[in-house]
């Protein structure tokens, strides 16, 4: 089992990168934000935590920047009916902390934004993972998810695509509190 991979980024595709280690190129599937980061570093060295998915007809590698993302991904695929591609799609929706909070609060809306995840699958994820996560309510009293949703809606109202708004908000420092402050920081990033 491959658990960690370090090497040179040879190529960055639409949903994967090829990392060369000791003359062997490994195709590693990634979440969108990780892929965008690595795409800028083509030709440079990188290091990823890996989940190896073995099936009858394939051996797929899924890469993550840290162990928190990897552990959450592995929790998601432990839910019956959620495969690696679906779990990666869920990770594309929002940062891990926001997804954990959505699950803890029973918010199916955050999960149903993923293609292939309907309300029944979202409810199943919440039911099976809520206790496993051991999520503690945020200092803001559980408002972090609502602030994020409000910030996305605000940026969409300003004319930005939802996906662009979501990606910009992922890059806003987590210590930025309040919807207005998060929108302001996201606008700075979107303006670049």
Foldseek 3Di string as FASTA:
>chain_A
DQFKDKAAFAAQDPFWTWGDDPNDTATEGEAPLVSVVVRVVHGDMDMWTWDWDDDPVDTYIYTDNDVLLVVQLVLQCVQPPQHSVLSSQLCNQAPPLLVLLCLLVVPLVSSCVGPPQDSVNSNSSSVRCNVVVPDDQDPVRSCPNVLLVVLLVVVVVVPDDSSLSRSLLRPPDPVQDGNVSSNVSSVVVVVD
